[in-house]
Structures are given as C-alpha cells and as structure tokens.
Amino acid sequence: QVQLVESGGGSVQAEGSLRLSCEISGYTHRSYCMGWFRQPPGKEREGVAVFSMGAPSYADSVKGRFTLSKDDAKNTLDLQMNGLKPEDTAVYYCVADIFSCEAIGRRSGSWASSRAEYRYWGQGTQVTVSS
C-alpha cells in the first residue's frame, strides 16, 4: 500500500516562505513521476512541480520561487516555497505515479493539467498566504 503523507503547510504573509515535505512509503516499484499539485479555493487543481527522470519541471506561475527536491535515502519529496503570494493559497497535494511525467502529460495534454491522472495522492496540506 503506497502512502504519501504531506506536512509543513501553514499560514504566512506575502513574500514569506514555507517548506512542504512529502514522506513516501509502501513502494513496491519505482515511481517515475513525483511532485506537487494544488487546488486553490473555488478553482480546479493544477500542477505545481514534478520530478521526472531526475529533473524538476515547474509551472510558470511558480518558476523562480519554488524549488523541488528529493531525498532518496529518506524517501521524501520537498517543496521549498519562497516569495509566496496570496494567489498561492491552496491545498497542496503530493502526487506520484509509476509512469513518467511525460507519459502522463501525453494522455492529458500536460503533466500540470487538471485532467492529469496520478495514481497516488496524499491527503493534502493547507497553505494560506495573506496580503
């Protein structure tokens, strides 16, 4: 049973920083696509950043502000978020899949699409940014 457990959410003021962490357990196979999605209030979910084949990809809205990293020894996937804006307010989800992010993107148009289907999801952690 694969489990993704997020931590690190909270409330900050604009321009502040938060670090989200995803602890991954129960793998019986190597996951090729791992990353973070978010769902702002009243909006569709959207991809934030993914790690595929050793390289991170970011949504345009977070490039230069967010950094994705992973620790294979600890089985964790972290998202460092700097320069936070009120529009970053959302529930953030850790996601993973046995297929590559590219394969997921081909099926849905983009790895970051609201239609992108990831096999494994965490329970979510709230991030609130006030102006």
N, C-alpha and C. Protein backbone atom coordinates (compact mmCIF):
# COMPACT_ATOMS: atom_id res chain seq x y z
N GLN A 1 0.84 -1.19 0.00
CA GLN A 1 0.00 0.00 0.00
C GLN A 1 0.88 1.25 0.00
N VAL A 2 0.80 2.00 -1.08
CA VAL A 2 1.60 3.22 -1.18
C VAL A 2 0.91 4.34 -0.42
N GLN A 3 1.68 5.05 0.37
CA GLN A 3 1.13 6.18 1.11
C GLN A 3 2.00 7.41 0.92
N LEU A 4 1.34 8.53 0.73
CA LEU A 4 2.03 9.82 0.63
C LEU A 4 1.48 10.69 1.76
N VAL A 5 2.35 11.19 2.61
CA VAL A 5 1.92 11.99 3.76
C VAL A 5 2.62 13.33 3.72
N GLU A 6 1.81 14.39 3.56
CA GLU A 6 2.36 15.74 3.49
C GLU A 6 2.45 16.38 4.88
N SER A 7 3.37 17.30 5.00
CA SER A 7 3.49 18.13 6.20
C SER A 7 4.11 19.46 5.82
N GLY A 8 3.99 20.43 6.73
CA GLY A 8 4.66 21.70 6.51
C GLY A 8 3.78 22.84 6.07
N GLY A 9 2.49 22.60 5.88
CA GLY A 9 1.62 23.71 5.50
C GLY A 9 1.43 24.68 6.64
N GLY A 10 0.77 25.79 6.36
CA GLY A 10 0.52 26.79 7.40
C GLY A 10 0.11 28.11 6.80
N SER A 11 0.17 29.15 7.63
CA SER A 11 -0.22 30.50 7.21
C SER A 11 0.98 31.42 7.28
N VAL A 12 1.17 32.20 6.23
CA VAL A 12 2.27 33.17 6.18
C VAL A 12 1.78 34.43 5.51
N GLN A 13 2.54 35.49 5.69
CA GLN A 13 2.25 36.72 4.97
C GLN A 13 2.94 36.70 3.61
N ALA A 14 2.46 37.54 2.72
CA ALA A 14 3.05 37.63 1.38
C ALA A 14 4.55 37.88 1.49
N GLU A 15 5.27 37.27 0.56
CA GLU A 15 6.74 37.29 0.49
C GLU A 15 7.40 36.36 1.51
N GLY A 16 6.59 35.67 2.30
CA GLY A 16 7.15 34.72 3.24
C GLY A 16 7.50 33.40 2.58
N SER A 17 7.98 32.45 3.40
CA SER A 17 8.42 31.15 2.89
C SER A 17 7.80 30.02 3.70
N LEU A 18 7.61 28.90 3.02
CA LEU A 18 7.19 27.66 3.67
C LEU A 18 7.90 26.51 2.96
N ARG A 19 8.08 25.43 3.69
CA ARG A 19 8.66 24.22 3.09
C ARG A 19 7.69 23.07 3.34
N LEU A 20 7.23 22.47 2.25
CA LEU A 20 6.36 21.31 2.34
C LEU A 20 7.20 20.05 2.17
N SER A 21 6.81 19.01 2.90
CA SER A 21 7.52 17.75 2.78
C SER A 21 6.51 16.62 2.56
N CYS A 22 6.89 15.67 1.72
CA CYS A 22 6.05 14.51 1.46
C CYS A 22 6.86 13.26 1.79
N GLU A 23 6.35 12.50 2.73
CA GLU A 23 7.00 11.24 3.09
C GLU A 23 6.31 10.12 2.32
N ILE A 24 7.10 9.33 1.60
CA ILE A 24 6.56 8.31 0.71
C ILE A 24 6.89 6.94 1.29
N SER A 25 5.89 6.09 1.42
CA SER A 25 6.12 4.75 1.96
C SER A 25 5.31 3.71 1.18
N GLY A 26 5.73 2.46 1.33
CA GLY A 26 4.96 1.36 0.75
C GLY A 26 5.22 1.09 -0.71
N TYR A 27 6.32 1.59 -1.22
CA TYR A 27 6.62 1.34 -2.63
C TYR A 27 7.02 -0.10 -2.87
N THR A 28 6.42 -0.68 -3.90
CA THR A 28 6.89 -1.99 -4.36
C THR A 28 7.55 -1.86 -5.72
N HIS A 29 7.53 -0.69 -6.26
CA HIS A 29 8.16 -0.43 -7.55
C HIS A 29 8.62 1.03 -7.54
N ARG A 30 9.47 1.34 -8.46
CA ARG A 30 10.00 2.69 -8.53
C ARG A 30 8.97 3.60 -9.21
N SER A 31 8.72 4.72 -8.60
CA SER A 31 7.83 5.71 -9.21
C SER A 31 8.63 6.64 -10.10
N TYR A 32 8.10 6.86 -11.28
CA TYR A 32 8.83 7.68 -12.23
C TYR A 32 8.43 9.14 -12.19
N CYS A 33 7.23 9.42 -11.73
CA CYS A 33 6.79 10.80 -11.69
C CYS A 33 6.31 11.11 -10.27
N MET A 34 6.94 12.10 -9.66
CA MET A 34 6.56 12.52 -8.31
C MET A 34 6.52 14.04 -8.28
N GLY A 35 5.62 14.60 -7.53
CA GLY A 35 5.56 16.05 -7.48
C GLY A 35 4.46 16.58 -6.61
N TRP A 36 4.07 17.80 -6.90
CA TRP A 36 3.06 18.51 -6.12
C TRP A 36 2.00 19.13 -7.02
N PHE A 37 0.77 19.00 -6.59
CA PHE A 37 -0.35 19.69 -7.19
C PHE A 37 -0.95 20.60 -6.12
N ARG A 38 -1.82 21.49 -6.55
CA ARG A 38 -2.54 22.31 -5.58
C ARG A 38 -3.93 22.62 -6.09
N GLN A 39 -4.82 22.91 -5.18
CA GLN A 39 -6.17 23.30 -5.55
C GLN A 39 -6.54 24.56 -4.79
N PRO A 40 -6.53 25.72 -5.49
CA PRO A 40 -6.95 26.97 -4.85
C PRO A 40 -8.44 26.93 -4.55
N PRO A 41 -8.91 27.72 -3.61
CA PRO A 41 -10.33 27.72 -3.28
C PRO A 41 -11.19 28.10 -4.47
N GLY A 42 -12.18 27.27 -4.78
CA GLY A 42 -13.10 27.55 -5.87
C GLY A 42 -12.54 27.34 -7.26
N LYS A 43 -11.35 26.76 -7.35
CA LYS A 43 -10.72 26.57 -8.66
C LYS A 43 -10.35 25.10 -8.87
N GLU A 44 -9.99 24.78 -10.12
CA GLU A 44 -9.55 23.43 -10.43
C GLU A 44 -8.14 23.20 -9.89
N ARG A 45 -7.82 21.96 -9.71
CA ARG A 45 -6.47 21.63 -9.28
C ARG A 45 -5.49 21.92 -10.42
N GLU A 46 -4.25 22.16 -10.05
CA GLU A 46 -3.22 22.48 -11.04
C GLU A 46 -1.88 21.94 -10.58
N GLY A 47 -1.06 21.59 -11.55
CA GLY A 47 0.26 21.11 -11.22
C GLY A 47 1.17 22.25 -10.79
N VAL A 48 2.02 21.97 -9.82
CA VAL A 48 2.97 22.97 -9.31
C VAL A 48 4.38 22.61 -9.76
N ALA A 49 4.80 21.40 -9.48
CA ALA A 49 6.15 20.97 -9.84
C ALA A 49 6.20 19.45 -9.81
N VAL A 50 6.98 18.87 -10.72
CA VAL A 50 7.17 17.42 -10.72
C VAL A 50 8.65 17.10 -10.93
N PHE A 51 9.01 15.91 -10.48
CA PHE A 51 10.36 15.42 -10.62
C PHE A 51 10.30 14.16 -11.48
N SER A 52 10.89 14.20 -12.66
CA SER A 52 10.84 13.06 -13.55
C SER A 52 12.21 12.80 -14.13
N MET A 53 12.66 11.58 -14.03
CA MET A 53 13.95 11.19 -14.57
C MET A 53 15.07 12.06 -14.03
N GLY A 54 14.94 12.47 -12.78
CA GLY A 54 16.00 13.23 -12.14
C GLY A 54 15.95 14.72 -12.35
N ALA A 55 15.00 15.21 -13.13
CA ALA A 55 14.95 16.64 -13.41
C ALA A 55 13.61 17.23 -13.00
N PRO A 56 13.62 18.40 -12.38
CA PRO A 56 12.36 19.03 -11.98
C PRO A 56 11.76 19.87 -13.11
N SER A 57 10.45 19.92 -13.13
CA SER A 57 9.72 20.82 -14.03
C SER A 57 8.76 21.63 -13.17
N TYR A 58 8.57 22.89 -13.53
CA TYR A 58 7.75 23.78 -12.73
C TYR A 58 6.66 24.43 -13.57
N ALA A 59 5.55 24.71 -12.92
CA ALA A 59 4.53 25.54 -13.56
C ALA A 59 5.09 26.95 -13.70
N ASP A 60 4.67 27.65 -14.75
CA ASP A 60 5.18 29.00 -14.99
C ASP A 60 4.92 29.93 -13.80
N SER A 61 3.80 29.71 -13.12
CA SER A 61 3.41 30.60 -12.03
C SER A 61 4.33 30.50 -10.81
N VAL A 62 5.14 29.45 -10.73
CA VAL A 62 5.99 29.30 -9.54
C VAL A 62 7.48 29.28 -9.89
N LYS A 63 7.82 29.33 -11.16
CA LYS A 63 9.23 29.32 -11.56
C LYS A 63 9.99 30.46 -10.90
N GLY A 64 11.16 30.13 -10.40
CA GLY A 64 12.00 31.13 -9.76
C GLY A 64 11.67 31.36 -8.30
N ARG A 65 10.54 30.82 -7.84
CA ARG A 65 10.14 31.00 -6.44
C ARG A 65 10.11 29.67 -5.68
N PHE A 66 9.72 28.61 -6.35
CA PHE A 66 9.60 27.30 -5.70
C PHE A 66 10.74 26.40 -6.17
N THR A 67 11.18 25.52 -5.27
CA THR A 67 12.24 24.57 -5.61
C THR A 67 11.85 23.19 -5.12
N LEU A 68 11.91 22.23 -6.04
CA LEU A 68 11.56 20.85 -5.73
C LEU A 68 12.84 20.04 -5.48
N SER A 69 12.82 19.23 -4.45
CA SER A 69 13.99 18.39 -4.18
C SER A 69 13.53 17.06 -3.59
N LYS A 70 14.37 16.05 -3.72
CA LYS A 70 14.02 14.76 -3.13
C LYS A 70 15.23 14.12 -2.49
N ASP A 71 14.94 13.31 -1.49
CA ASP A 71 15.97 12.60 -0.77
C ASP A 71 15.64 11.12 -0.88
N ASP A 72 16.37 10.41 -1.74
CA ASP A 72 16.07 9.00 -1.97
C ASP A 72 16.32 8.15 -0.73
N ALA A 73 17.28 8.54 0.08
CA ALA A 73 17.58 7.77 1.28
C ALA A 73 16.43 7.86 2.29
N LYS A 74 15.82 9.03 2.37
CA LYS A 74 14.73 9.24 3.32
C LYS A 74 13.36 9.04 2.69
N ASN A 75 13.32 8.87 1.37
CA ASN A 75 12.04 8.74 0.65
C ASN A 75 11.14 9.95 0.89
N THR A 76 11.71 11.11 0.75
CA THR A 76 10.92 12.33 0.91
C THR A 76 11.04 13.21 -0.33
N LEU A 77 10.00 14.00 -0.55
CA LEU A 77 9.94 14.94 -1.67
C LEU A 77 9.54 16.28 -1.08
N ASP A 78 10.41 17.26 -1.19
CA ASP A 78 10.19 18.55 -0.55
C ASP A 78 9.93 19.65 -1.57
N LEU A 79 9.13 20.62 -1.15
CA LEU A 79 8.86 21.78 -1.98
C LEU A 79 9.15 23.03 -1.16
N GLN A 80 10.24 23.70 -1.50
CA GLN A 80 10.59 24.95 -0.84
C GLN A 80 9.89 26.09 -1.57
N MET A 81 9.08 26.84 -0.84
CA MET A 81 8.29 27.90 -1.46
C MET A 81 8.73 29.24 -0.88
N ASN A 82 9.31 30.07 -1.73
CA ASN A 82 9.76 31.41 -1.33
C ASN A 82 8.95 32.46 -2.08
N GLY A 83 8.97 33.68 -1.57
CA GLY A 83 8.25 34.75 -2.25
C GLY A 83 6.78 34.44 -2.43
N LEU A 84 6.16 33.89 -1.41
CA LEU A 84 4.77 33.45 -1.54
C LEU A 84 3.83 34.63 -1.79
N LYS A 85 2.82 34.37 -2.59
CA LYS A 85 1.82 35.37 -2.95
C LYS A 85 0.44 34.89 -2.49
N PRO A 86 -0.49 35.80 -2.30
CA PRO A 86 -1.85 35.38 -1.91
C PRO A 86 -2.44 34.37 -2.87
N GLU A 87 -2.11 34.47 -4.16
CA GLU A 87 -2.64 33.52 -5.14
C GLU A 87 -2.04 32.12 -5.02
N ASP A 88 -1.05 31.95 -4.16
CA ASP A 88 -0.52 30.62 -3.88
C ASP A 88 -1.35 29.89 -2.84
N THR A 89 -2.33 30.58 -2.26
CA THR A 89 -3.21 29.95 -1.27
C THR A 89 -3.94 28.78 -1.89
N ALA A 90 -3.82 27.61 -1.27
CA ALA A 90 -4.42 26.39 -1.83
C ALA A 90 -4.17 25.22 -0.88
N VAL A 91 -4.85 24.13 -1.16
CA VAL A 91 -4.49 22.86 -0.55
C VAL A 91 -3.46 22.21 -1.47
N TYR A 92 -2.33 21.84 -0.92
CA TYR A 92 -1.24 21.26 -1.69
C TYR A 92 -1.21 19.74 -1.49
N TYR A 93 -1.09 19.03 -2.62
CA TYR A 93 -1.10 17.57 -2.59
C TYR A 93 0.19 17.02 -3.17
N CYS A 94 0.74 16.03 -2.51
CA CYS A 94 1.85 15.27 -3.06
C CYS A 94 1.26 14.20 -3.99
N VAL A 95 1.87 14.01 -5.15
CA VAL A 95 1.37 13.03 -6.11
C VAL A 95 2.52 12.16 -6.61
N ALA A 96 2.16 10.96 -7.07
CA ALA A 96 3.17 10.06 -7.64
C ALA A 96 2.50 9.08 -8.59
N ASP A 97 3.29 8.57 -9.51
CA ASP A 97 2.76 7.60 -10.47
C ASP A 97 3.91 6.74 -10.98
N ILE A 98 3.57 5.52 -11.41
CA ILE A 98 4.60 4.63 -11.92
C ILE A 98 5.01 5.00 -13.33
N PHE A 99 4.21 5.79 -14.02
CA PHE A 99 4.57 6.23 -15.37
C PHE A 99 5.33 7.55 -15.31
N SER A 100 6.03 7.85 -16.37
CA SER A 100 6.79 9.09 -16.42
C SER A 100 5.84 10.28 -16.51
N CYS A 101 6.33 11.44 -16.09
CA CYS A 101 5.52 12.65 -16.20
C CYS A 101 5.20 12.95 -17.67
N GLU A 102 6.12 12.60 -18.55
CA GLU A 102 5.89 12.83 -19.97
C GLU A 102 4.72 11.98 -20.47
N ALA A 103 4.67 10.73 -20.03
CA ALA A 103 3.56 9.85 -20.44
C ALA A 103 2.23 10.36 -19.89
N ILE A 104 2.26 10.82 -18.65
CA ILE A 104 1.05 11.38 -18.06
C ILE A 104 0.62 12.63 -18.83
N GLY A 105 1.60 13.43 -19.20
CA GLY A 105 1.29 14.65 -19.96
C GLY A 105 0.73 14.35 -21.33
N ARG A 106 1.22 13.29 -21.97
CA ARG A 106 0.70 12.95 -23.31
C ARG A 106 -0.78 12.56 -23.24
N ARG A 107 -1.14 11.93 -22.16
CA ARG A 107 -2.55 11.50 -22.04
C ARG A 107 -3.49 12.66 -21.76
N SER A 108 -3.00 13.69 -21.08
CA SER A 108 -3.89 14.76 -20.63
C SER A 108 -3.55 16.12 -21.21
N GLY A 109 -2.48 16.20 -21.99
CA GLY A 109 -2.08 17.48 -22.55
C GLY A 109 -0.92 18.12 -21.83
N SER A 110 -0.82 17.87 -20.53
CA SER A 110 0.28 18.43 -19.75
C SER A 110 0.34 17.72 -18.40
N TRP A 111 1.53 17.54 -17.85
CA TRP A 111 1.63 16.94 -16.52
C TRP A 111 0.94 17.80 -15.47
N ALA A 112 0.77 19.09 -15.76
CA ALA A 112 0.19 20.03 -14.81
C ALA A 112 -1.31 20.22 -14.99
N SER A 113 -1.88 19.55 -15.98
CA SER A 113 -3.29 19.74 -16.28
C SER A 113 -4.18 19.24 -15.15
N SER A 114 -5.34 19.88 -15.01
CA SER A 114 -6.32 19.41 -14.04
C SER A 114 -6.84 18.03 -14.41
N ARG A 115 -6.65 17.65 -15.68
CA ARG A 115 -7.10 16.33 -16.13
C ARG A 115 -6.02 15.25 -15.99
N ALA A 116 -4.83 15.67 -15.60
CA ALA A 116 -3.74 14.70 -15.45
C ALA A 116 -4.08 13.72 -14.33
N GLU A 117 -3.87 12.45 -14.61
CA GLU A 117 -4.24 11.41 -13.65
C GLU A 117 -3.00 10.81 -13.03
N TYR A 118 -2.90 10.96 -11.72
CA TYR A 118 -1.80 10.38 -10.97
C TYR A 118 -2.36 9.27 -10.08
N ARG A 119 -1.66 8.17 -10.01
CA ARG A 119 -2.15 7.01 -9.29
C ARG A 119 -2.24 7.24 -7.79
N TYR A 120 -1.25 7.97 -7.24
CA TYR A 120 -1.19 8.12 -5.79
C TYR A 120 -1.27 9.60 -5.38
N TRP A 121 -2.06 9.87 -4.37
CA TRP A 121 -2.25 11.23 -3.85
C TRP A 121 -2.13 11.22 -2.33
N GLY A 122 -1.56 12.28 -1.79
CA GLY A 122 -1.56 12.47 -0.35
C GLY A 122 -2.88 13.07 0.10
N GLN A 123 -3.01 13.32 1.39
CA GLN A 123 -4.27 13.83 1.92
C GLN A 123 -4.38 15.35 1.80
N GLY A 124 -3.28 16.00 1.51
CA GLY A 124 -3.30 17.45 1.31
C GLY A 124 -2.90 18.22 2.55
N THR A 125 -2.29 19.38 2.33
CA THR A 125 -1.93 20.27 3.43
C THR A 125 -2.25 21.71 3.00
N GLN A 126 -2.85 22.47 3.90
CA GLN A 126 -3.32 23.81 3.57
C GLN A 126 -2.17 24.81 3.65
N VAL A 127 -2.09 25.65 2.62
CA VAL A 127 -1.17 26.78 2.62
C VAL A 127 -2.00 28.05 2.43
N THR A 128 -1.87 28.99 3.34
CA THR A 128 -2.62 30.24 3.27
C THR A 128 -1.65 31.40 3.30
N VAL A 129 -1.75 32.27 2.30
CA VAL A 129 -0.87 33.43 2.20
C VAL A 129 -1.71 34.69 2.27
N SER A 130 -1.44 35.53 3.25
CA SER A 130 -2.21 36.76 3.41
C SER A 130 -1.43 37.95 2.89
N SER A 131 -2.17 38.94 2.41
CA SER A 131 -1.52 40.12 1.83
C SER A 131 -1.20 41.15 2.90
